[in-house]
Amino acid sequence: MSNRIKVAIAGYGNLGRGVESALAQNKDMQLVGVFSRRNPDSVSLLSKDVPVYAMADLEQYQDKVDVMILCGGSKSDLPEQSPYLAQFFNLVDSFDTHAKVNEHFDALDAVAQKSGKVALLSVGWDPGLFSLNRMFGETVLSEGETYTFWGKGLSQGHSDAVRRVAGVKAGVQYTLPSEAAIERVRAGEQPQLTTREKHVRECYVVLEADASADTVRNSIVTMPDYFADYDTSVHFIDQASFDKDHTKMPHGGFVIRSGVTGAGNQQTIEYSLALGSNPEFTASVLVAYARAVHKLAGLGEVGAKTVFDVPPGLLSPKTPAQLRKDLL
């Protein structure tokens, strides 16, 4: 297919590998290169025929790439990379620091308006798909409350905190939504929920040979900023069980809008995800929106965009007529 959308990846970690896998499942798109800050010779891709380039050489390839998908981190990578790359490429990023989205949008928009590119930010499942469902919920049910629950999911930051505890050889932490809280929301109570009431934390730990389980448990459950404000359980397992059951990156969650219409009729909208691989699912969302970015650029759009600005039909490889026939 000579008219395939030419996509490149900037950054090749878990998310970058997920994007590579997702592109292989979308026949209207083609991975034309991966850009890395590492030595290109040290980067091993799933696809042996795709070249790896140095991140420093990105500018040389702007005529060979339709859309660049940025797979760096939100803390320090994307705030610098996204505005810089918007000078040269239509792009999609997964910036997920909710409190700084408007700041990131303004930085991207200033560059993309000048360069004539489309720069789509904060794409994924939250922010991203969950954001859309929060908007649909509060727009359709204007009188009500919106609730977001995350999990069951592996938290990388909290897992790192567990592993820093003395006596821990290996450990992970999962965030779980409180079933009791979800049921209260589904029942239409519209409760005001505390942090402790919304989520619980579950840890799986392999102990060092001479470590005390009671001491390690106490160190974890009383840890300020991480576990002290939550109901936290700690399970001690052996290394074989840890390697077998706790090395993947599952996640998911729920967006629930509870509202009333008319003469007090209770209405509930619920959207949920159960993900076997957080990075692979996030990557699949990025790839769908990369398709939309290419279409928006073809329509003459420029500037920064979010998921709120993208017509949903542009995400699909199907024509408008096919969508109407198959899905409407």
Protein backbone atom coordinates (compact mmCIF):
# COMPACT_ATOMS: atom_id res chain seq x y z
CA MET A 1 0.00 0.00 0.00
CA SER A 2 1.92 3.02 -1.25
CA ASN A 3 -0.57 5.47 0.29
CA ARG A 4 -0.18 4.20 3.84
CA ILE A 5 0.20 6.79 6.60
CA LYS A 6 3.90 7.07 7.43
CA VAL A 7 4.39 7.03 11.20
CA ALA A 8 7.53 7.40 13.31
CA ILE A 9 8.06 6.80 17.02
CA ALA A 10 10.05 9.12 19.32
CA GLY A 11 11.20 7.16 22.36
CA TYR A 12 11.33 3.37 22.57
CA GLY A 13 10.36 2.03 25.99
CA ASN A 14 7.24 0.07 26.97
CA LEU A 15 4.96 2.56 25.25
CA GLY A 16 7.10 2.75 22.11
CA ARG A 17 7.09 -1.02 21.79
CA GLY A 18 3.32 -0.95 22.22
CA VAL A 19 2.99 1.56 19.38
CA GLU A 20 5.14 -0.64 17.15
CA SER A 21 2.85 -3.61 17.87
CA ALA A 22 -0.30 -1.54 17.31
CA LEU A 23 0.92 -0.20 13.97
CA ALA A 24 1.44 -3.78 12.79
CA GLN A 25 -2.31 -4.33 13.32
CA ASN A 26 -3.35 -1.29 11.28
CA LYS A 27 -2.80 -1.99 7.60
CA ASP A 28 -3.34 1.60 6.47
CA MET A 29 -0.31 2.71 8.51
CA GLN A 30 3.42 2.08 8.21
CA LEU A 31 6.20 2.45 10.79
CA VAL A 32 9.01 4.22 8.94
CA GLY A 33 11.43 4.77 11.80
CA VAL A 34 12.13 4.91 15.52
CA PHE A 35 14.06 7.78 17.11
CA SER A 36 15.92 7.12 20.35
CA ARG A 37 18.27 8.98 22.69
CA ARG A 38 20.17 5.73 23.06
CA ASN A 39 22.78 4.59 20.57
CA PRO A 40 20.67 3.39 17.60
CA ASP A 41 22.82 0.27 17.31
CA SER A 42 21.80 -0.74 20.85
CA VAL A 43 18.04 -0.54 20.19
CA SER A 44 16.41 -3.82 19.15
CA LEU A 45 12.96 -3.48 17.58
CA LEU A 46 10.30 -6.11 17.06
CA SER A 47 10.51 -5.33 13.33
CA LYS A 48 13.98 -6.02 12.00
CA ASP A 49 13.40 -4.04 8.79
CA VAL A 50 12.53 -0.72 10.51
CA PRO A 51 15.49 1.68 10.94
CA VAL A 52 16.44 3.26 14.27
CA TYR A 53 17.77 6.81 14.21
CA ALA A 54 19.37 9.10 16.76
CA MET A 55 16.94 11.53 18.36
CA ALA A 56 19.35 14.33 17.50
CA ASP A 57 18.79 13.67 13.78
CA LEU A 58 14.99 14.07 13.83
CA GLU A 59 14.89 17.29 11.83
CA GLN A 60 16.42 15.57 8.80
CA TYR A 61 13.39 13.30 8.37
CA GLN A 62 10.47 15.74 8.51
CA ASP A 63 9.60 15.14 4.83
CA LYS A 64 9.49 11.35 5.34
CA VAL A 65 7.04 11.25 8.28
CA ASP A 66 3.29 12.02 8.22
CA VAL A 67 2.78 11.73 11.98
CA MET A 68 5.22 11.44 14.87
CA ILE A 69 4.03 9.55 17.97
CA LEU A 70 5.85 10.69 21.09
CA CYS A 71 6.41 7.99 23.72
CA GLY A 72 8.42 9.83 26.35
CA GLY A 73 7.47 10.58 29.93
CA SER A 74 5.21 13.43 31.02
CA LYS A 75 7.42 14.73 33.82
CA SER A 76 10.42 15.91 31.82
CA ASP A 77 10.37 14.50 28.26
CA LEU A 78 7.12 15.69 26.71
CA PRO A 79 7.12 19.28 28.06
CA GLU A 80 10.32 19.81 26.07
CA GLN A 81 9.97 17.35 23.18
CA SER A 82 6.41 18.10 22.10
CA PRO A 83 6.79 21.86 21.48
CA TYR A 84 10.19 21.30 19.86
CA LEU A 85 8.95 18.59 17.50
CA ALA A 86 5.79 20.54 16.61
CA GLN A 87 8.11 22.76 14.57
CA PHE A 88 8.67 19.89 12.15
CA PHE A 89 5.97 17.21 12.48
CA ASN A 90 2.29 16.56 12.95
CA LEU A 91 2.35 14.73 16.26
CA VAL A 92 0.50 12.89 19.01
CA ASP A 93 1.65 12.73 22.62
CA SER A 94 0.40 11.06 25.82
CA PHE A 95 1.00 13.93 28.27
CA ASP A 96 -0.91 12.86 31.39
CA THR A 97 -0.23 15.48 34.06
CA HIS A 98 -3.85 16.63 34.38
CA ALA A 99 -3.07 19.82 36.31
CA LYS A 100 -0.71 21.08 33.60
CA VAL A 101 -2.71 20.21 30.47
CA ASN A 102 -3.64 23.82 29.65
CA GLU A 103 -0.04 24.93 30.11
CA HIS A 104 1.13 22.15 27.78
CA PHE A 105 -1.62 22.99 25.28
CA ASP A 106 -0.56 26.65 25.12
CA ALA A 107 3.10 25.76 24.61
CA LEU A 108 2.22 23.36 21.78
CA ASP A 109 -0.30 25.66 20.15
CA ALA A 110 2.11 28.58 19.92
CA VAL A 111 4.57 26.43 17.95
CA ALA A 112 2.08 24.44 15.84
CA GLN A 113 0.15 27.54 14.73
CA LYS A 114 3.40 29.01 13.45
CA SER A 115 4.65 25.81 11.78
CA GLY A 116 1.27 24.85 10.32
CA LYS A 117 1.28 21.46 12.02
CA VAL A 118 -1.35 19.56 14.01
CA ALA A 119 -0.21 18.72 17.56
CA LEU A 120 -2.57 16.43 19.49
CA LEU A 121 -1.81 16.18 23.19
CA SER A 122 -2.88 14.08 26.18
CA VAL A 123 -4.01 11.02 24.22
CA GLY A 124 -4.52 7.67 25.94
CA TRP A 125 -7.22 6.26 28.18
CA ASP A 126 -6.91 8.77 31.03
CA PRO A 127 -6.52 11.46 29.91
CA GLY A 128 -8.13 10.52 26.60
CA LEU A 129 -11.00 8.04 26.41
CA PHE A 130 -11.99 8.61 30.05
CA SER A 131 -11.96 12.37 29.41
CA LEU A 132 -14.46 11.95 26.59
CA ASN A 133 -16.71 9.80 28.74
CA ARG A 134 -16.62 12.32 31.59
CA MET A 135 -17.66 14.99 29.07
CA PHE A 136 -20.45 12.86 27.55
CA GLY A 137 -21.75 12.05 31.01
CA GLU A 138 -21.96 15.58 32.35
CA THR A 139 -23.31 16.92 29.06
CA VAL A 140 -26.11 14.36 28.75
CA LEU A 141 -26.94 14.23 32.46
CA SER A 142 -26.49 17.89 33.38
CA GLU A 143 -27.75 17.32 36.93
CA GLY A 144 -25.57 14.73 38.65
CA GLU A 145 -22.08 13.70 39.73
CA THR A 146 -19.18 12.12 37.86
CA TYR A 147 -16.94 9.48 39.46
CA THR A 148 -13.67 8.05 38.13
CA PHE A 149 -12.24 4.86 39.64
CA TRP A 150 -8.87 3.44 38.60
CA GLY A 151 -7.79 -0.21 38.69
CA LYS A 152 -7.20 -2.99 39.10
CA GLY A 153 -3.89 -1.68 37.96
CA LEU A 154 -0.19 -1.86 38.67
CA SER A 155 1.11 1.47 39.92
CA GLN A 156 4.73 1.99 38.89
CA GLY A 157 5.44 4.80 41.38
CA HIS A 158 3.92 2.97 44.33
CA SER A 159 5.66 -0.26 43.33
CA ASP A 160 8.98 1.61 43.40
CA ALA A 161 8.13 2.83 46.90
CA VAL A 162 7.48 -0.75 48.04
CA ARG A 163 10.83 -1.89 46.65
CA ARG A 164 12.64 0.85 48.60
CA VAL A 165 11.50 -0.64 51.92
CA ALA A 166 14.29 -2.42 53.79
CA GLY A 167 13.88 -6.19 53.58
CA VAL A 168 11.98 -6.18 50.26
CA LYS A 169 13.64 -8.22 47.52
CA ALA A 170 10.87 -7.69 44.94
CA GLY A 171 7.49 -6.03 45.11
CA VAL A 172 4.56 -4.55 43.22
CA GLN A 173 1.50 -2.55 44.23
CA TYR A 174 -1.94 -2.63 42.64
CA THR A 175 -4.59 0.06 42.95
CA LEU A 176 -8.09 -1.43 43.23
CA PRO A 177 -11.36 0.47 43.08
CA SER A 178 -13.54 -0.06 46.15
CA GLU A 179 -16.43 -2.34 45.20
CA ALA A 180 -18.54 -0.86 48.00
CA ALA A 181 -17.99 2.68 46.70
CA ILE A 182 -18.78 1.67 43.12
CA GLU A 183 -22.01 0.00 44.20
CA ARG A 184 -23.07 3.13 46.09
CA VAL A 185 -22.50 5.18 42.93
CA ARG A 186 -24.32 2.68 40.73
CA ALA A 187 -27.25 2.76 43.15
CA GLY A 188 -27.65 6.48 42.54
CA GLU A 189 -26.59 7.69 46.00
CA GLN A 190 -24.19 10.34 44.59
CA PRO A 191 -21.97 10.00 47.69
CA GLN A 192 -19.12 12.33 48.65
CA LEU A 193 -16.23 9.86 48.79
CA THR A 194 -12.92 10.25 50.60
CA THR A 195 -9.63 9.02 49.17
CA ARG A 196 -9.73 5.99 51.47
CA GLU A 197 -13.30 5.16 50.42
CA LYS A 198 -12.63 5.21 46.66
CA HIS A 199 -9.58 2.94 46.30
CA VAL A 200 -7.64 0.28 48.17
CA ARG A 201 -4.03 -0.75 47.70
CA GLU A 202 -2.74 -4.31 47.46
CA CYS A 203 0.96 -5.22 47.64
CA TYR A 204 2.76 -8.43 46.72
CA VAL A 205 6.21 -8.75 48.25
CA VAL A 206 9.14 -11.17 48.09
CA LEU A 207 11.18 -10.84 51.29
CA GLU A 208 14.93 -10.83 51.64
CA ALA A 209 16.17 -13.97 53.40
CA ASP A 210 16.43 -12.52 56.94
CA ALA A 211 13.65 -9.91 56.75
CA SER A 212 10.77 -9.71 59.19
CA ALA A 213 7.37 -9.87 57.50
CA ASP A 214 5.73 -7.86 60.31
CA THR A 215 8.34 -5.11 60.10
CA VAL A 216 8.07 -4.86 56.32
CA ARG A 217 4.27 -4.85 56.43
CA ASN A 218 4.23 -2.07 59.01
CA SER A 219 6.75 0.00 57.04
CA ILE A 220 4.56 -0.23 53.94
CA VAL A 221 1.11 0.43 55.40
CA THR A 222 2.29 3.45 57.44
CA MET A 223 4.28 5.07 54.61
CA PRO A 224 3.14 8.72 54.27
CA ASP A 225 2.01 10.03 50.85
CA TYR A 226 1.83 6.48 49.46
CA PHE A 227 -0.10 4.08 51.73
CA ALA A 228 -1.01 5.72 55.03
CA ASP A 229 -4.22 7.25 53.65
CA TYR A 230 -5.47 3.99 52.14
CA ASP A 231 -6.60 0.57 53.30
CA THR A 232 -3.52 -1.40 52.28
CA SER A 233 -2.96 -5.17 52.31
CA VAL A 234 0.45 -6.83 51.97
CA HIS A 235 0.82 -10.40 50.66
CA PHE A 236 4.13 -12.24 50.97
CA ILE A 237 4.95 -14.65 48.15
CA ASP A 238 7.97 -16.49 46.78
CA GLN A 239 10.06 -15.36 43.82
CA ALA A 240 8.66 -17.98 41.47
CA SER A 241 5.09 -16.84 42.12
CA PHE A 242 6.15 -13.21 41.71
CA ASP A 243 7.81 -13.94 38.35
CA LYS A 244 4.80 -15.91 37.16
CA ASP A 245 1.96 -13.60 38.23
CA HIS A 246 3.28 -10.07 38.81
CA THR A 247 5.54 -8.99 35.94
CA LYS A 248 2.86 -7.69 33.56
CA MET A 249 1.28 -4.22 33.57
CA PRO A 250 -2.52 -4.58 33.84
CA HIS A 251 -4.77 -1.61 34.49
CA GLY A 252 -8.25 -0.26 33.89
CA GLY A 253 -11.04 1.57 35.62
CA PHE A 254 -14.51 3.07 35.47
CA VAL A 255 -16.12 6.41 34.63
CA ILE A 256 -19.63 6.62 36.07
CA ARG A 257 -22.06 9.51 35.73
CA SER A 258 -24.97 9.35 38.15
CA GLY A 259 -27.77 11.82 37.49
CA VAL A 260 -31.47 12.52 37.41
CA THR A 261 -33.81 13.65 34.65
CA GLY A 262 -37.37 14.88 34.57
CA ALA A 263 -39.31 14.26 37.75
CA GLY A 264 -36.42 12.63 39.58
CA ASN A 265 -35.79 9.60 37.38
CA GLN A 266 -32.41 8.06 38.20
CA GLN A 267 -30.04 7.63 35.21
CA THR A 268 -26.55 6.13 35.16
CA ILE A 269 -23.90 6.09 32.43
CA GLU A 270 -20.93 3.77 32.92
CA TYR A 271 -17.79 3.17 30.86
CA SER A 272 -15.16 0.66 31.94
CA LEU A 273 -11.82 -0.76 30.85
CA ALA A 274 -10.06 -3.98 31.88
CA LEU A 275 -6.56 -3.94 30.40
CA GLY A 276 -4.09 -6.80 30.26
CA SER A 277 -1.34 -4.36 29.24
CA ASN A 278 -1.58 -0.68 30.09
CA PRO A 279 1.18 0.44 27.66
CA GLU A 280 -0.13 -1.66 24.76
CA PHE A 281 -3.67 -0.31 25.16
CA THR A 282 -2.44 3.28 25.50
CA ALA A 283 -0.36 2.72 22.38
CA SER A 284 -3.42 1.48 20.48
CA VAL A 285 -5.27 4.70 21.38
CA LEU A 286 -2.29 6.77 20.22
CA VAL A 287 -2.22 4.98 16.87
CA ALA A 288 -5.94 5.55 16.25
CA TYR A 289 -5.53 9.23 17.00
CA ALA A 290 -2.43 9.42 14.79
CA ARG A 291 -4.71 8.43 11.92
CA ALA A 292 -7.06 11.27 12.88
CA VAL A 293 -4.16 13.74 13.04
CA HIS A 294 -3.16 12.80 9.49
CA LYS A 295 -6.74 13.38 8.31
CA LEU A 296 -6.99 16.71 10.15
CA ALA A 297 -3.75 17.87 8.56
CA GLY A 298 -5.15 16.89 5.17
CA LEU A 299 -8.20 19.06 5.88
CA GLY A 300 -5.97 22.06 6.54
CA GLU A 301 -6.26 22.10 10.33
CA VAL A 302 -3.35 23.52 12.34
CA GLY A 303 -2.49 24.04 15.99
CA ALA A 304 -2.80 22.12 19.23
CA LYS A 305 -5.76 19.77 19.69
CA THR A 306 -7.15 17.46 22.35
CA VAL A 307 -9.54 14.51 22.09
CA PHE A 308 -12.41 16.99 22.53
CA ASP A 309 -11.50 18.56 19.17
CA VAL A 310 -11.34 15.39 17.06
CA PRO A 311 -14.48 14.12 15.27
CA PRO A 312 -14.71 10.44 16.24
CA GLY A 313 -15.17 9.23 12.65
CA LEU A 314 -11.63 10.37 11.85
CA LEU A 315 -10.23 7.68 14.16
CA SER A 316 -11.47 4.89 11.91
CA PRO A 317 -9.88 3.56 8.72
CA LYS A 318 -13.42 3.09 7.38
CA THR A 319 -15.07 5.63 5.09
CA PRO A 320 -18.02 7.69 6.39
CA ALA A 321 -20.34 5.54 4.27
CA GLN A 322 -18.91 2.34 5.77
CA LEU A 323 -19.30 3.71 9.29
CA ARG A 324 -22.93 4.61 8.65
CA LYS A 325 -23.62 1.17 7.19
CA ASP A 326 -21.72 -0.91 9.76
CA LEU A 327 -22.02 0.97 13.04
CA LEU A 328 -24.77 3.56 12.95
